[in-house]
Amino acid sequence: MLSVIRIFKQINIMKKTFLEYYKQILCKVSFDINLLKKEYQKAVVSLNTNELLDLNHWLENKGYTPNLLLIKA
């Protein structure tokens, strides 16, 4: 039972890491809107609903509109 709890804790740490990973990537590619859209679309597929809401809020604070990032250029 203890190992199951340990595995769930590791999964939660990994999910937080993926959210932080996508934030870093989006910061690094923000100079090119097409790259930003591409990386955001990858994040949409990879993150769960709560993480995606956090990412969208973070993007809005940076001045981006997440819904527009889903539109293909």
C-alpha atoms as a PDB file:
ATOM      1  CA  MET A   1       0.000   0.000   0.000  1.00  0.00           C
ATOM      2  CA  LEU A   2       2.833   2.358   0.811  1.00  0.00           C
ATOM      3  CA  SER A   3       4.364   1.868  -2.633  1.00  0.00           C
ATOM      4  CA  VAL A   4       1.048   2.808  -4.297  1.00  0.00           C
ATOM      5  CA  ILE A   5       0.956   6.064  -2.331  1.00  0.00           C
ATOM      6  CA  ARG A   6       4.561   6.743  -3.279  1.00  0.00           C
ATOM      7  CA  ILE A   7       3.747   6.193  -6.978  1.00  0.00           C
ATOM      8  CA  PHE A   8       0.812   8.633  -6.826  1.00  0.00           C
ATOM      9  CA  LYS A   9       3.036  11.259  -5.207  1.00  0.00           C
ATOM     10  CA  GLN A  10       5.605  10.806  -7.963  1.00  0.00           C
ATOM     11  CA  ILE A  11       2.910  11.167 -10.626  1.00  0.00           C
ATOM     12  CA  ASN A  12       1.730  14.436  -9.058  1.00  0.00           C
ATOM     13  CA  ILE A  13       5.307  15.734  -9.026  1.00  0.00           C
ATOM     14  CA  MET A  14       5.690  14.791 -12.692  1.00  0.00           C
ATOM     15  CA  LYS A  15       2.469  16.593 -13.631  1.00  0.00           C
ATOM     16  CA  LYS A  16       3.636  19.761 -11.915  1.00  0.00           C
ATOM     17  CA  THR A  17       6.900  19.382 -13.759  1.00  0.00           C
ATOM     18  CA  PHE A  18       5.126  19.119 -17.119  1.00  0.00           C
ATOM     19  CA  LEU A  19       3.177  22.294 -16.411  1.00  0.00           C
ATOM     20  CA  GLU A  20       6.393  24.101 -15.499  1.00  0.00           C
ATOM     21  CA  TYR A  21       8.088  22.561 -18.536  1.00  0.00           C
ATOM     22  CA  TYR A  22       5.462  23.957 -20.892  1.00  0.00           C
ATOM     23  CA  LYS A  23       5.677  27.372 -19.249  1.00  0.00           C
ATOM     24  CA  GLN A  24       9.424  27.408 -19.864  1.00  0.00           C
ATOM     25  CA  ILE A  25       9.032  26.255 -23.457  1.00  0.00           C
ATOM     26  CA  LEU A  26       6.342  28.840 -24.188  1.00  0.00           C
ATOM     27  CA  CYS A  27       8.563  31.590 -22.767  1.00  0.00           C
ATOM     28  CA  LYS A  28      11.448  30.472 -24.955  1.00  0.00           C
ATOM     29  CA  VAL A  29       9.417  30.352 -28.191  1.00  0.00           C
ATOM     30  CA  SER A  30       7.311  33.451 -27.555  1.00  0.00           C
ATOM     31  CA  PHE A  31       9.324  35.378 -30.160  1.00  0.00           C
ATOM     32  CA  ASP A  32       7.628  33.356 -32.934  1.00  0.00           C
ATOM     33  CA  ILE A  33       3.825  33.100 -32.863  1.00  0.00           C
ATOM     34  CA  ASN A  34       3.816  29.947 -35.020  1.00  0.00           C
ATOM     35  CA  LEU A  35       6.174  28.130 -32.640  1.00  0.00           C
ATOM     36  CA  LEU A  36       4.120  29.381 -29.710  1.00  0.00           C
ATOM     37  CA  LYS A  37       0.956  27.964 -31.259  1.00  0.00           C
ATOM     38  CA  LYS A  38       2.644  24.638 -31.989  1.00  0.00           C
ATOM     39  CA  GLU A  39       3.965  24.239 -28.438  1.00  0.00           C
ATOM     40  CA  TYR A  40       0.665  25.357 -26.918  1.00  0.00           C
ATOM     41  CA  GLN A  41      -1.172  22.718 -28.934  1.00  0.00           C
ATOM     42  CA  LYS A  42       1.222  20.083 -27.582  1.00  0.00           C
ATOM     43  CA  ALA A  43       0.487  21.302 -24.064  1.00  0.00           C
ATOM     44  CA  VAL A  44      -3.279  21.075 -24.652  1.00  0.00           C
ATOM     45  CA  VAL A  45      -2.903  17.402 -25.540  1.00  0.00           C
ATOM     46  CA  SER A  46      -0.514  16.592 -22.677  1.00  0.00           C
ATOM     47  CA  LEU A  47      -1.948  18.438 -19.664  1.00  0.00           C
ATOM     48  CA  ASN A  48      -5.054  17.638 -17.695  1.00  0.00           C
ATOM     49  CA  THR A  49      -7.939  20.097 -17.333  1.00  0.00           C
ATOM     50  CA  ASN A  50      -6.739  21.788 -14.144  1.00  0.00           C
ATOM     51  CA  GLU A  51      -3.199  22.163 -15.448  1.00  0.00           C
ATOM     52  CA  LEU A  52      -4.506  23.569 -18.708  1.00  0.00           C
ATOM     53  CA  LEU A  53      -6.588  26.113 -16.812  1.00  0.00           C
ATOM     54  CA  ASP A  54      -3.466  27.125 -14.881  1.00  0.00           C
ATOM     55  CA  LEU A  55      -1.499  27.405 -18.118  1.00  0.00           C
ATOM     56  CA  ASN A  56      -4.238  29.495 -19.751  1.00  0.00           C
ATOM     57  CA  HIS A  57      -4.335  31.842 -16.763  1.00  0.00           C
ATOM     58  CA  TRP A  58      -0.550  32.154 -16.910  1.00  0.00           C
ATOM     59  CA  LEU A  59      -0.706  32.923 -20.657  1.00  0.00           C
ATOM     60  CA  GLU A  60      -3.380  35.566 -20.116  1.00  0.00           C
ATOM     61  CA  ASN A  61      -1.133  37.225 -17.531  1.00  0.00           C
ATOM     62  CA  LYS A  62       1.615  37.268 -20.177  1.00  0.00           C
ATOM     63  CA  GLY A  63      -0.737  39.027 -22.611  1.00  0.00           C
ATOM     64  CA  TYR A  64      -1.762  36.100 -24.837  1.00  0.00           C
ATOM     65  CA  THR A  65      -5.237  34.828 -25.627  1.00  0.00           C
ATOM     66  CA  PRO A  66      -5.089  31.012 -25.339  1.00  0.00           C
ATOM     67  CA  ASN A  67      -8.101  30.438 -27.597  1.00  0.00           C
ATOM     68  CA  LEU A  68      -6.411  32.303 -30.443  1.00  0.00           C
ATOM     69  CA  LEU A  69      -3.358  30.055 -30.112  1.00  0.00           C
ATOM     70  CA  LEU A  70      -5.474  27.100 -31.189  1.00  0.00           C
ATOM     71  CA  ILE A  71      -6.324  28.690 -34.534  1.00  0.00           C
ATOM     72  CA  LYS A  72      -4.047  27.426 -37.289  1.00  0.00           C
ATOM     73  CA  ALA A  73      -2.223  30.107 -39.230  1.00  0.00           C
END
